[in-house]
Amino acid sequence: MARYTESSCRLCRRENQKLFLKGDRCYTDKCAVSRRAYGPGQHGKSKKKLSEYGIQLREKQKTKRFYGVLESQFRKYFEIAAKKKGITGENLLQLLELRLDNVVYRMGFGTSRKESRQLVNHGHFLVNGKRVNIPSYLVKAGDIIEIKEKSKEIDKIKEVIDSTGSKVVPEWLQVDKEKFIGKVIALPKRDEIDLPVHEHLIVELYSK
């Protein structure tokens, strides 16, 4: 399976904003964007005016990086979103939000989407009582996500739960941290997705 293996901090610097790819580290002085607020590479400090296409491309790249999705999969999500009723851009963000790794992150069972993806890959979660280890699995309204009984005793998972205890959970999710369980009570609406993304630019890019 193809995946990004280079430094996550380079992605944030390339987009010139925090993508919160490293969890708690992104809120400290160690954050690469705070220390070096310019793009990576030898030409990182040079400022170029972006064309219309460049602006649209950066918005797509930023969105992909927020969710940790590569181009081929992102394109498939867009094609599905375009066929659904409603606004294509909002449909796209909704699909990305419903990925299991993102839902695990939103529920506070992972400090970052990357960590959540890893925990799902290692088989620590059940969906409606069945083990699911596919991060891109799309959950539905009514689905129950819980940490496996054996996994509840793992120190790393306990640490994650403790560190995300004060995290605000979106209204479309319901979580009981003491029981290590959460529920998707509704599909996410656009105003419930708190990412600085202009999805209409992505639609314009793919519609060319």
N, C-alpha and C. Protein backbone atom coordinates (compact mmCIF):
# COMPACT_ATOMS: atom_id res chain seq x y z
N MET A 1 0.84 -1.19 0.00
CA MET A 1 0.00 0.00 0.00
C MET A 1 0.88 1.25 0.00
N ALA A 2 0.61 2.16 -0.91
CA ALA A 2 1.39 3.39 -1.00
C ALA A 2 1.09 4.29 0.20
N ARG A 3 2.14 4.92 0.71
CA ARG A 3 1.95 5.85 1.82
C ARG A 3 3.10 6.84 1.86
N TYR A 4 2.83 7.99 2.48
CA TYR A 4 3.85 9.03 2.60
C TYR A 4 4.80 8.64 3.72
N THR A 5 6.12 8.64 3.46
CA THR A 5 7.08 8.19 4.46
C THR A 5 8.06 9.27 4.90
N GLU A 6 7.99 10.45 4.30
CA GLU A 6 8.92 11.52 4.69
C GLU A 6 8.40 12.29 5.90
N SER A 7 9.12 13.33 6.29
CA SER A 7 8.77 14.10 7.48
C SER A 7 7.40 14.76 7.35
N SER A 8 6.56 14.57 8.36
CA SER A 8 5.24 15.20 8.36
C SER A 8 5.34 16.71 8.45
N CYS A 9 6.38 17.19 9.14
CA CYS A 9 6.54 18.63 9.34
C CYS A 9 6.80 19.36 8.02
N ARG A 10 7.39 18.68 7.05
CA ARG A 10 7.62 19.28 5.73
C ARG A 10 6.28 19.62 5.06
N LEU A 11 5.28 18.79 5.30
CA LEU A 11 3.97 19.03 4.70
C LEU A 11 3.34 20.29 5.26
N CYS A 12 3.44 20.47 6.57
CA CYS A 12 2.90 21.68 7.20
C CYS A 12 3.62 22.92 6.69
N ARG A 13 4.94 22.83 6.59
CA ARG A 13 5.72 23.98 6.12
C ARG A 13 5.39 24.30 4.67
N ARG A 14 5.13 23.26 3.88
CA ARG A 14 4.80 23.48 2.47
C ARG A 14 3.48 24.23 2.33
N GLU A 15 2.53 23.94 3.21
CA GLU A 15 1.23 24.61 3.18
C GLU A 15 1.24 25.90 4.00
N ASN A 16 2.35 26.17 4.70
CA ASN A 16 2.52 27.38 5.50
C ASN A 16 1.45 27.51 6.58
N GLN A 17 1.05 26.37 7.14
CA GLN A 17 0.12 26.38 8.26
C GLN A 17 0.15 25.03 8.96
N LYS A 18 -0.29 25.02 10.20
CA LYS A 18 -0.30 23.78 10.97
C LYS A 18 -1.40 22.85 10.46
N LEU A 19 -1.02 21.61 10.15
CA LEU A 19 -1.99 20.60 9.74
C LEU A 19 -2.25 19.63 10.89
N PHE A 20 -1.57 19.83 12.01
CA PHE A 20 -1.74 19.02 13.22
C PHE A 20 -1.56 17.53 12.93
N LEU A 21 -0.43 17.23 12.28
CA LEU A 21 -0.12 15.86 11.90
C LEU A 21 0.64 15.10 12.97
N LYS A 22 1.12 15.82 14.00
CA LYS A 22 1.90 15.16 15.06
C LYS A 22 1.27 15.32 16.43
N GLY A 23 -0.02 15.53 16.48
CA GLY A 23 -0.72 15.58 17.76
C GLY A 23 -0.26 16.70 18.67
N ASP A 24 0.07 16.35 19.91
CA ASP A 24 0.41 17.34 20.93
C ASP A 24 1.63 18.18 20.56
N ARG A 25 2.58 17.63 19.82
CA ARG A 25 3.78 18.36 19.44
C ARG A 25 3.44 19.64 18.68
N CYS A 26 2.34 19.61 17.92
CA CYS A 26 1.95 20.76 17.10
C CYS A 26 1.54 21.97 17.94
N TYR A 27 1.27 21.73 19.23
CA TYR A 27 0.85 22.83 20.11
C TYR A 27 2.00 23.37 20.95
N THR A 28 3.22 22.86 20.69
CA THR A 28 4.38 23.29 21.47
C THR A 28 5.34 24.14 20.62
N ASP A 29 6.40 24.63 21.25
CA ASP A 29 7.41 25.42 20.55
C ASP A 29 8.25 24.58 19.60
N LYS A 30 8.12 23.26 19.69
CA LYS A 30 8.87 22.36 18.80
C LYS A 30 8.25 22.28 17.41
N CYS A 31 7.07 22.82 17.25
CA CYS A 31 6.39 22.77 15.96
C CYS A 31 7.24 23.43 14.87
N ALA A 32 7.44 22.74 13.77
CA ALA A 32 8.30 23.23 12.69
C ALA A 32 7.77 24.52 12.06
N VAL A 33 6.45 24.67 11.99
CA VAL A 33 5.86 25.87 11.40
C VAL A 33 6.16 27.09 12.27
N SER A 34 6.16 26.91 13.58
CA SER A 34 6.47 28.01 14.49
C SER A 34 7.94 28.40 14.41
N ARG A 35 8.80 27.40 14.23
CA ARG A 35 10.24 27.66 14.21
C ARG A 35 10.74 28.12 12.85
N ARG A 36 10.15 27.58 11.78
CA ARG A 36 10.58 27.93 10.43
C ARG A 36 9.35 28.17 9.56
N ALA A 37 8.84 29.36 9.61
CA ALA A 37 7.59 29.70 8.92
C ALA A 37 7.82 29.99 7.43
N TYR A 38 8.41 29.04 6.76
CA TYR A 38 8.60 29.15 5.31
C TYR A 38 8.70 27.73 4.74
N GLY A 39 8.56 27.60 3.45
CA GLY A 39 8.53 26.30 2.81
C GLY A 39 9.84 25.55 2.92
N PRO A 40 9.81 24.21 2.78
CA PRO A 40 11.04 23.42 2.85
C PRO A 40 11.86 23.56 1.57
N GLY A 41 13.12 23.16 1.63
CA GLY A 41 13.97 23.20 0.44
C GLY A 41 14.70 24.52 0.28
N GLN A 42 15.62 24.55 -0.70
CA GLN A 42 16.47 25.73 -0.87
C GLN A 42 15.71 26.96 -1.38
N HIS A 43 14.54 26.75 -1.98
CA HIS A 43 13.75 27.88 -2.47
C HIS A 43 12.56 28.19 -1.56
N GLY A 44 12.58 27.60 -0.37
CA GLY A 44 11.45 27.73 0.55
C GLY A 44 11.14 29.16 0.96
N LYS A 45 12.16 30.00 1.06
CA LYS A 45 11.95 31.37 1.53
C LYS A 45 11.48 32.31 0.42
N SER A 46 11.60 31.88 -0.82
CA SER A 46 11.17 32.75 -1.92
C SER A 46 9.66 32.78 -2.01
N LYS A 47 9.10 33.94 -2.31
CA LYS A 47 7.65 34.10 -2.38
C LYS A 47 7.23 34.32 -3.82
N LYS A 48 6.37 33.43 -4.30
CA LYS A 48 5.86 33.55 -5.65
C LYS A 48 4.34 33.72 -5.61
N LYS A 49 3.84 34.58 -6.48
CA LYS A 49 2.41 34.78 -6.56
C LYS A 49 1.79 33.59 -7.29
N LEU A 50 0.83 32.97 -6.65
CA LEU A 50 0.21 31.78 -7.24
C LEU A 50 -0.83 32.15 -8.29
N SER A 51 -0.89 31.33 -9.33
CA SER A 51 -1.93 31.48 -10.35
C SER A 51 -3.23 30.91 -9.80
N GLU A 52 -4.31 31.06 -10.54
CA GLU A 52 -5.59 30.49 -10.11
C GLU A 52 -5.46 28.98 -9.94
N TYR A 53 -4.78 28.35 -10.90
CA TYR A 53 -4.57 26.91 -10.82
C TYR A 53 -3.74 26.56 -9.58
N GLY A 54 -2.72 27.36 -9.32
CA GLY A 54 -1.85 27.11 -8.17
C GLY A 54 -2.61 27.19 -6.85
N ILE A 55 -3.51 28.14 -6.75
CA ILE A 55 -4.32 28.30 -5.53
C ILE A 55 -5.22 27.08 -5.34
N GLN A 56 -5.84 26.63 -6.43
CA GLN A 56 -6.71 25.45 -6.37
C GLN A 56 -5.93 24.20 -6.01
N LEU A 57 -4.74 24.07 -6.59
CA LEU A 57 -3.90 22.91 -6.32
C LEU A 57 -3.46 22.87 -4.87
N ARG A 58 -3.07 24.00 -4.32
CA ARG A 58 -2.63 24.05 -2.92
C ARG A 58 -3.78 23.67 -1.99
N GLU A 59 -5.00 24.08 -2.34
CA GLU A 59 -6.15 23.74 -1.49
C GLU A 59 -6.39 22.23 -1.49
N LYS A 60 -6.25 21.63 -2.66
CA LYS A 60 -6.41 20.17 -2.75
C LYS A 60 -5.32 19.46 -1.95
N GLN A 61 -4.07 19.89 -2.13
CA GLN A 61 -2.95 19.26 -1.43
C GLN A 61 -3.11 19.40 0.08
N LYS A 62 -3.53 20.58 0.51
CA LYS A 62 -3.72 20.81 1.94
C LYS A 62 -4.78 19.87 2.52
N THR A 63 -5.88 19.71 1.80
CA THR A 63 -6.97 18.85 2.27
C THR A 63 -6.53 17.39 2.32
N LYS A 64 -5.82 16.94 1.28
CA LYS A 64 -5.28 15.58 1.28
C LYS A 64 -4.40 15.33 2.49
N ARG A 65 -3.58 16.32 2.81
CA ARG A 65 -2.62 16.17 3.90
C ARG A 65 -3.29 16.22 5.27
N PHE A 66 -4.33 16.99 5.40
CA PHE A 66 -5.09 16.99 6.66
C PHE A 66 -5.54 15.57 6.99
N TYR A 67 -6.08 14.88 5.98
CA TYR A 67 -6.66 13.56 6.21
C TYR A 67 -5.70 12.40 5.95
N GLY A 68 -4.49 12.70 5.46
CA GLY A 68 -3.52 11.64 5.21
C GLY A 68 -3.91 10.74 4.06
N VAL A 69 -4.49 11.32 3.01
CA VAL A 69 -4.95 10.55 1.85
C VAL A 69 -4.08 10.88 0.63
N LEU A 70 -3.71 9.86 -0.14
CA LEU A 70 -2.93 10.08 -1.35
C LEU A 70 -3.84 10.38 -2.54
N GLU A 71 -3.24 10.77 -3.65
CA GLU A 71 -4.00 11.31 -4.78
C GLU A 71 -5.05 10.36 -5.35
N SER A 72 -4.69 9.11 -5.62
CA SER A 72 -5.64 8.18 -6.26
C SER A 72 -6.88 7.97 -5.41
N GLN A 73 -6.69 7.83 -4.10
CA GLN A 73 -7.83 7.63 -3.21
C GLN A 73 -8.66 8.90 -3.07
N PHE A 74 -7.96 10.03 -3.01
CA PHE A 74 -8.66 11.31 -2.90
C PHE A 74 -9.55 11.54 -4.13
N ARG A 75 -9.02 11.18 -5.30
CA ARG A 75 -9.78 11.33 -6.55
C ARG A 75 -11.03 10.45 -6.54
N LYS A 76 -10.91 9.26 -5.99
CA LYS A 76 -12.06 8.36 -5.90
C LYS A 76 -13.14 8.94 -5.00
N TYR A 77 -12.70 9.56 -3.89
CA TYR A 77 -13.68 10.21 -3.00
C TYR A 77 -14.40 11.33 -3.74
N PHE A 78 -13.66 12.08 -4.54
CA PHE A 78 -14.28 13.17 -5.29
C PHE A 78 -15.30 12.62 -6.28
N GLU A 79 -14.98 11.55 -6.97
CA GLU A 79 -15.91 10.96 -7.94
C GLU A 79 -17.18 10.47 -7.27
N ILE A 80 -17.03 9.88 -6.08
CA ILE A 80 -18.21 9.44 -5.32
C ILE A 80 -19.04 10.65 -4.90
N ALA A 81 -18.36 11.68 -4.41
CA ALA A 81 -19.04 12.90 -3.95
C ALA A 81 -19.81 13.57 -5.08
N ALA A 82 -19.23 13.56 -6.29
CA ALA A 82 -19.86 14.22 -7.44
C ALA A 82 -21.14 13.51 -7.86
N LYS A 83 -21.24 12.21 -7.59
CA LYS A 83 -22.42 11.43 -7.98
C LYS A 83 -23.54 11.50 -6.95
N LYS A 84 -23.21 11.94 -5.74
CA LYS A 84 -24.21 12.02 -4.69
C LYS A 84 -25.05 13.29 -4.82
N LYS A 85 -26.24 13.26 -4.26
CA LYS A 85 -27.07 14.46 -4.23
C LYS A 85 -26.44 15.48 -3.28
N GLY A 86 -26.66 16.76 -3.58
CA GLY A 86 -26.12 17.80 -2.71
C GLY A 86 -24.93 18.51 -3.33
N ILE A 87 -24.22 19.25 -2.51
CA ILE A 87 -23.08 20.04 -2.95
C ILE A 87 -21.83 19.16 -2.95
N THR A 88 -21.17 19.06 -4.11
CA THR A 88 -20.04 18.14 -4.26
C THR A 88 -18.94 18.37 -3.23
N GLY A 89 -18.55 19.61 -3.02
CA GLY A 89 -17.48 19.90 -2.07
C GLY A 89 -17.82 19.46 -0.66
N GLU A 90 -19.05 19.70 -0.24
CA GLU A 90 -19.47 19.30 1.10
C GLU A 90 -19.58 17.78 1.20
N ASN A 91 -20.03 17.14 0.13
CA ASN A 91 -20.08 15.67 0.09
C ASN A 91 -18.67 15.08 0.25
N LEU A 92 -17.71 15.73 -0.39
CA LEU A 92 -16.31 15.26 -0.33
C LEU A 92 -15.79 15.31 1.09
N LEU A 93 -15.98 16.44 1.76
CA LEU A 93 -15.51 16.57 3.15
C LEU A 93 -16.23 15.59 4.07
N GLN A 94 -17.50 15.36 3.81
CA GLN A 94 -18.26 14.42 4.63
C GLN A 94 -17.68 13.00 4.51
N LEU A 95 -17.36 12.60 3.28
CA LEU A 95 -16.76 11.28 3.07
C LEU A 95 -15.42 11.15 3.81
N LEU A 96 -14.61 12.19 3.74
CA LEU A 96 -13.32 12.16 4.41
C LEU A 96 -13.48 12.10 5.93
N GLU A 97 -14.48 12.80 6.44
CA GLU A 97 -14.74 12.78 7.88
C GLU A 97 -15.21 11.41 8.36
N LEU A 98 -15.87 10.66 7.49
CA LEU A 98 -16.43 9.37 7.87
C LEU A 98 -15.43 8.22 7.79
N ARG A 99 -14.19 8.51 7.36
CA ARG A 99 -13.15 7.48 7.41
C ARG A 99 -12.96 7.04 8.87
N LEU A 100 -12.75 5.76 9.07
CA LEU A 100 -12.61 5.25 10.43
C LEU A 100 -11.46 5.89 11.18
N ASP A 101 -10.30 6.09 10.51
CA ASP A 101 -9.17 6.70 11.21
C ASP A 101 -9.49 8.11 11.67
N ASN A 102 -10.26 8.86 10.86
CA ASN A 102 -10.63 10.21 11.25
C ASN A 102 -11.64 10.20 12.40
N VAL A 103 -12.59 9.27 12.36
CA VAL A 103 -13.59 9.17 13.44
C VAL A 103 -12.91 8.81 14.76
N VAL A 104 -11.95 7.89 14.70
CA VAL A 104 -11.19 7.52 15.90
C VAL A 104 -10.47 8.75 16.46
N TYR A 105 -9.89 9.55 15.57
CA TYR A 105 -9.22 10.79 15.99
C TYR A 105 -10.21 11.78 16.58
N ARG A 106 -11.33 11.98 15.90
CA ARG A 106 -12.34 12.92 16.37
C ARG A 106 -12.90 12.53 17.74
N MET A 107 -12.96 11.23 18.00
CA MET A 107 -13.49 10.75 19.28
C MET A 107 -12.48 10.89 20.41
N GLY A 108 -11.22 11.18 20.05
CA GLY A 108 -10.19 11.33 21.07
C GLY A 108 -9.50 10.03 21.42
N PHE A 109 -9.62 9.02 20.55
CA PHE A 109 -8.93 7.76 20.77
C PHE A 109 -7.56 7.75 20.10
N GLY A 110 -7.16 8.87 19.53
CA GLY A 110 -5.85 9.05 18.93
C GLY A 110 -5.49 10.52 19.02
N THR A 111 -4.22 10.85 19.23
CA THR A 111 -3.82 12.26 19.36
C THR A 111 -3.67 12.96 18.01
N SER A 112 -3.59 12.17 16.95
CA SER A 112 -3.50 12.71 15.60
C SER A 112 -4.14 11.71 14.65
N ARG A 113 -4.42 12.14 13.42
CA ARG A 113 -4.99 11.20 12.45
C ARG A 113 -3.97 10.11 12.11
N LYS A 114 -2.71 10.48 12.07
CA LYS A 114 -1.66 9.50 11.77
C LYS A 114 -1.60 8.42 12.84
N GLU A 115 -1.64 8.83 14.09
CA GLU A 115 -1.62 7.86 15.18
C GLU A 115 -2.89 7.00 15.16
N SER A 116 -4.02 7.63 14.89
CA SER A 116 -5.30 6.91 14.83
C SER A 116 -5.27 5.87 13.71
N ARG A 117 -4.69 6.25 12.58
CA ARG A 117 -4.57 5.32 11.45
C ARG A 117 -3.74 4.10 11.84
N GLN A 118 -2.67 4.35 12.59
CA GLN A 118 -1.81 3.26 13.03
C GLN A 118 -2.53 2.33 14.00
N LEU A 119 -3.29 2.91 14.92
CA LEU A 119 -4.04 2.11 15.89
C LEU A 119 -5.10 1.25 15.20
N VAL A 120 -5.76 1.81 14.19
CA VAL A 120 -6.75 1.04 13.43
C VAL A 120 -6.05 -0.09 12.68
N ASN A 121 -4.92 0.22 12.05
CA ASN A 121 -4.15 -0.79 11.31
C ASN A 121 -3.76 -1.97 12.18
N HIS A 122 -3.48 -1.70 13.44
CA HIS A 122 -3.05 -2.75 14.36
C HIS A 122 -4.22 -3.51 14.97
N GLY A 123 -5.42 -3.19 14.53
CA GLY A 123 -6.60 -3.97 14.93
C GLY A 123 -7.12 -3.73 16.33
N HIS A 124 -6.97 -2.51 16.85
CA HIS A 124 -7.41 -2.22 18.21
C HIS A 124 -8.89 -1.83 18.31
N PHE A 125 -9.58 -1.70 17.16
CA PHE A 125 -10.95 -1.18 17.20
C PHE A 125 -11.98 -2.15 16.63
N LEU A 126 -13.17 -2.06 17.20
CA LEU A 126 -14.32 -2.82 16.72
C LEU A 126 -15.35 -1.83 16.18
N VAL A 127 -16.01 -2.20 15.09
CA VAL A 127 -17.13 -1.42 14.57
C VAL A 127 -18.35 -2.34 14.60
N ASN A 128 -19.32 -1.96 15.41
CA ASN A 128 -20.52 -2.78 15.60
C ASN A 128 -20.14 -4.20 16.03
N GLY A 129 -19.12 -4.29 16.89
CA GLY A 129 -18.73 -5.58 17.45
C GLY A 129 -17.77 -6.39 16.61
N LYS A 130 -17.44 -5.92 15.41
CA LYS A 130 -16.55 -6.66 14.53
C LYS A 130 -15.22 -5.91 14.36
N ARG A 131 -14.12 -6.65 14.38
CA ARG A 131 -12.80 -6.05 14.24
C ARG A 131 -12.62 -5.49 12.84
N VAL A 132 -12.21 -4.21 12.77
CA VAL A 132 -11.95 -3.55 11.50
C VAL A 132 -10.55 -2.94 11.57
N ASN A 133 -9.69 -3.30 10.63
CA ASN A 133 -8.32 -2.77 10.62
C ASN A 133 -8.01 -2.03 9.33
N ILE A 134 -9.06 -1.46 8.72
CA ILE A 134 -8.91 -0.70 7.48
C ILE A 134 -9.19 0.78 7.79
N PRO A 135 -8.17 1.63 7.81
CA PRO A 135 -8.36 3.05 8.15
C PRO A 135 -9.36 3.77 7.26
N SER A 136 -9.47 3.37 5.98
CA SER A 136 -10.36 4.05 5.05
C SER A 136 -11.80 3.55 5.12
N TYR A 137 -12.07 2.61 6.01
CA TYR A 137 -13.44 2.10 6.18
C TYR A 137 -14.39 3.26 6.48
N LEU A 138 -15.47 3.35 5.73
CA LEU A 138 -16.42 4.45 5.93
C LEU A 138 -17.52 4.04 6.89
N VAL A 139 -17.61 4.75 8.00
CA VAL A 139 -18.65 4.46 8.99
C VAL A 139 -19.96 5.11 8.56
N LYS A 140 -21.05 4.68 9.20
CA LYS A 140 -22.39 5.20 8.89
C LYS A 140 -23.03 5.68 10.19
N ALA A 141 -24.08 6.49 10.04
CA ALA A 141 -24.83 6.94 11.20
C ALA A 141 -25.38 5.71 11.92
N GLY A 142 -25.21 5.66 13.22
CA GLY A 142 -25.66 4.53 14.01
C GLY A 142 -24.56 3.54 14.36
N ASP A 143 -23.41 3.64 13.67
CA ASP A 143 -22.30 2.72 13.94
C ASP A 143 -21.69 2.99 15.32
N ILE A 144 -21.29 1.91 15.97
CA ILE A 144 -20.65 2.00 17.29
C ILE A 144 -19.19 1.59 17.15
N ILE A 145 -18.30 2.47 17.58
CA ILE A 145 -16.86 2.23 17.51
C ILE A 145 -16.33 2.08 18.93
N GLU A 146 -15.62 0.99 19.19
CA GLU A 146 -15.08 0.78 20.53
C GLU A 146 -13.69 0.15 20.47
N ILE A 147 -12.94 0.36 21.53
CA ILE A 147 -11.62 -0.24 21.64
C ILE A 147 -11.79 -1.68 22.13
N LYS A 148 -11.06 -2.60 21.52
CA LYS A 148 -11.13 -4.00 21.92
C LYS A 148 -10.83 -4.18 23.40
N GLU A 149 -11.43 -5.18 24.00
CA GLU A 149 -11.27 -5.41 25.43
C GLU A 149 -9.81 -5.56 25.82
N LYS A 150 -9.05 -6.37 25.07
CA LYS A 150 -7.64 -6.59 25.39
C LYS A 150 -6.83 -5.30 25.22
N SER A 151 -7.21 -4.49 24.25
CA SER A 151 -6.45 -3.27 23.95
C SER A 151 -6.64 -2.20 25.01
N LYS A 152 -7.69 -2.28 25.79
CA LYS A 152 -7.96 -1.29 26.83
C LYS A 152 -6.86 -1.26 27.89
N GLU A 153 -6.12 -2.37 28.01
CA GLU A 153 -5.09 -2.46 29.04
C GLU A 153 -3.71 -2.03 28.54
N ILE A 154 -3.61 -1.69 27.26
CA ILE A 154 -2.33 -1.26 26.71
C ILE A 154 -1.99 0.14 27.21
N ASP A 155 -0.78 0.31 27.73
CA ASP A 155 -0.38 1.59 28.33
C ASP A 155 -0.47 2.74 27.33
N LYS A 156 -0.06 2.51 26.09
CA LYS A 156 -0.08 3.57 25.08
C LYS A 156 -1.49 4.09 24.87
N ILE A 157 -2.46 3.19 24.80
CA ILE A 157 -3.85 3.60 24.59
C ILE A 157 -4.38 4.34 25.82
N LYS A 158 -4.00 3.90 26.99
CA LYS A 158 -4.40 4.61 28.21
C LYS A 158 -3.85 6.03 28.22
N GLU A 159 -2.59 6.17 27.78
CA GLU A 159 -1.95 7.50 27.72
C GLU A 159 -2.69 8.41 26.75
N VAL A 160 -3.07 7.85 25.60
CA VAL A 160 -3.80 8.63 24.60
C VAL A 160 -5.13 9.12 25.16
N ILE A 161 -5.87 8.23 25.80
CA ILE A 161 -7.16 8.60 26.38
C ILE A 161 -7.00 9.70 27.42
N ASP A 162 -5.97 9.59 28.24
CA ASP A 162 -5.71 10.61 29.27
C ASP A 162 -5.37 11.96 28.65
N SER A 163 -4.54 11.94 27.59
CA SER A 163 -4.09 13.19 26.99
C SER A 163 -5.18 13.89 26.19
N THR A 164 -6.18 13.16 25.74
CA THR A 164 -7.27 13.77 24.94
C THR A 164 -8.55 13.94 25.75
N GLY A 165 -8.41 13.83 27.06
CA GLY A 165 -9.60 13.89 27.92
C GLY A 165 -10.41 15.16 27.78
N SER A 166 -9.74 16.29 27.52
CA SER A 166 -10.44 17.58 27.43
C SER A 166 -10.81 17.95 25.98
N LYS A 167 -10.52 17.06 25.06
CA LYS A 167 -10.79 17.35 23.65
C LYS A 167 -12.29 17.46 23.39
N VAL A 168 -12.68 18.48 22.63
CA VAL A 168 -14.09 18.68 22.29
C VAL A 168 -14.47 17.72 21.16
N VAL A 169 -15.50 16.95 21.39
CA VAL A 169 -15.96 15.98 20.39
C VAL A 169 -17.06 16.63 19.55
N PRO A 170 -17.01 16.49 18.22
CA PRO A 170 -18.04 17.08 17.35
C PRO A 170 -19.44 16.60 17.72
N GLU A 171 -20.44 17.40 17.41
CA GLU A 171 -21.81 17.09 17.79
C GLU A 171 -22.36 15.85 17.10
N TRP A 172 -21.77 15.47 15.97
CA TRP A 172 -22.28 14.30 15.26
C TRP A 172 -21.75 12.99 15.82
N LEU A 173 -20.90 13.11 16.87
CA LEU A 173 -20.37 11.93 17.54
C LEU A 173 -20.72 11.95 19.02
N GLN A 174 -20.76 10.77 19.60
CA GLN A 174 -21.04 10.63 21.02
C GLN A 174 -19.98 9.69 21.60
N VAL A 175 -19.35 10.09 22.70
CA VAL A 175 -18.23 9.30 23.23
C VAL A 175 -18.35 9.11 24.74
N ASP A 176 -18.02 7.91 25.18
CA ASP A 176 -17.90 7.60 26.60
C ASP A 176 -16.47 7.12 26.81
N LYS A 177 -15.59 8.03 27.26
CA LYS A 177 -14.18 7.71 27.41
C LYS A 177 -13.93 6.65 28.48
N GLU A 178 -14.76 6.62 29.51
CA GLU A 178 -14.57 5.65 30.58
C GLU A 178 -14.82 4.22 30.10
N LYS A 179 -15.72 4.08 29.13
CA LYS A 179 -16.04 2.75 28.60
C LYS A 179 -15.32 2.47 27.27
N PHE A 180 -14.52 3.45 26.81
CA PHE A 180 -13.75 3.30 25.57
C PHE A 180 -14.67 3.02 24.37
N ILE A 181 -15.76 3.75 24.30
CA ILE A 181 -16.73 3.49 23.24
C ILE A 181 -17.32 4.80 22.71
N GLY A 182 -17.67 4.80 21.43
CA GLY A 182 -18.28 5.99 20.83
C GLY A 182 -19.31 5.58 19.79
N LYS A 183 -20.15 6.52 19.41
CA LYS A 183 -21.20 6.24 18.44
C LYS A 183 -21.33 7.38 17.44
N VAL A 184 -21.55 7.03 16.17
CA VAL A 184 -21.83 8.03 15.14
C VAL A 184 -23.33 8.28 15.16
N ILE A 185 -23.74 9.41 15.70
CA ILE A 185 -25.17 9.65 15.87
C ILE A 185 -25.81 10.35 14.67
N ALA A 186 -24.97 10.91 13.79
CA ALA A 186 -25.48 11.56 12.58
C ALA A 186 -24.33 11.75 11.60
N LEU A 187 -24.66 12.08 10.35
CA LEU A 187 -23.63 12.40 9.38
C LEU A 187 -23.18 13.85 9.61
N PRO A 188 -21.90 14.12 9.48
CA PRO A 188 -21.39 15.48 9.76
C PRO A 188 -21.88 16.50 8.73
N LYS A 189 -22.29 17.66 9.23
CA LYS A 189 -22.68 18.77 8.37
C LYS A 189 -21.46 19.67 8.16
N ARG A 190 -21.51 20.51 7.12
CA ARG A 190 -20.35 21.34 6.80
C ARG A 190 -19.93 22.22 7.96
N ASP A 191 -20.87 22.81 8.68
CA ASP A 191 -20.50 23.71 9.77
C ASP A 191 -19.98 22.97 11.01
N GLU A 192 -19.99 21.64 10.94
CA GLU A 192 -19.45 20.84 12.04
C GLU A 192 -18.04 20.33 11.73
N ILE A 193 -17.54 20.67 10.55
CA ILE A 193 -16.19 20.27 10.14
C ILE A 193 -15.29 21.48 10.27
N ASP A 194 -14.42 21.47 11.28
CA ASP A 194 -13.69 22.67 11.68
C ASP A 194 -12.33 22.82 10.99
N LEU A 195 -12.22 22.45 9.73
CA LEU A 195 -10.95 22.58 9.03
C LEU A 195 -10.97 23.82 8.12
N PRO A 196 -9.84 24.54 8.04
CA PRO A 196 -9.76 25.73 7.18
C PRO A 196 -9.59 25.35 5.71
N VAL A 197 -10.64 24.77 5.16
CA VAL A 197 -10.60 24.26 3.78
C VAL A 197 -11.66 24.97 2.94
N HIS A 198 -11.28 25.38 1.73
CA HIS A 198 -12.23 25.97 0.78
C HIS A 198 -12.50 24.93 -0.30
N GLU A 199 -13.46 24.07 0.00
CA GLU A 199 -13.69 22.90 -0.85
C GLU A 199 -14.13 23.23 -2.27
N HIS A 200 -14.71 24.42 -2.47
CA HIS A 200 -15.15 24.79 -3.81
C HIS A 200 -13.95 24.92 -4.77
N LEU A 201 -12.78 25.25 -4.23
CA LEU A 201 -11.58 25.35 -5.06
C LEU A 201 -11.16 23.97 -5.58
N ILE A 202 -11.37 22.94 -4.76
CA ILE A 202 -11.05 21.58 -5.18
C ILE A 202 -12.00 21.14 -6.30
N VAL A 203 -13.26 21.49 -6.14
CA VAL A 203 -14.26 21.15 -7.17
C VAL A 203 -13.90 21.85 -8.49
N GLU A 204 -13.50 23.11 -8.39
CA GLU A 204 -13.11 23.85 -9.60
C GLU A 204 -11.90 23.21 -10.28
N LEU A 205 -10.95 22.75 -9.47
CA LEU A 205 -9.73 22.13 -10.01
C LEU A 205 -10.06 20.85 -10.77
N TYR A 206 -10.86 19.98 -10.15
CA TYR A 206 -11.19 18.70 -10.78
C TYR A 206 -12.18 18.84 -11.93
N SER A 207 -12.86 19.98 -11.99
CA SER A 207 -13.87 20.16 -13.02
C SER A 207 -13.30 20.72 -14.33
N LYS A 208 -12.00 21.01 -14.33
CA LYS A 208 -11.37 21.59 -15.53
C LYS A 208 -11.22 20.54 -16.62
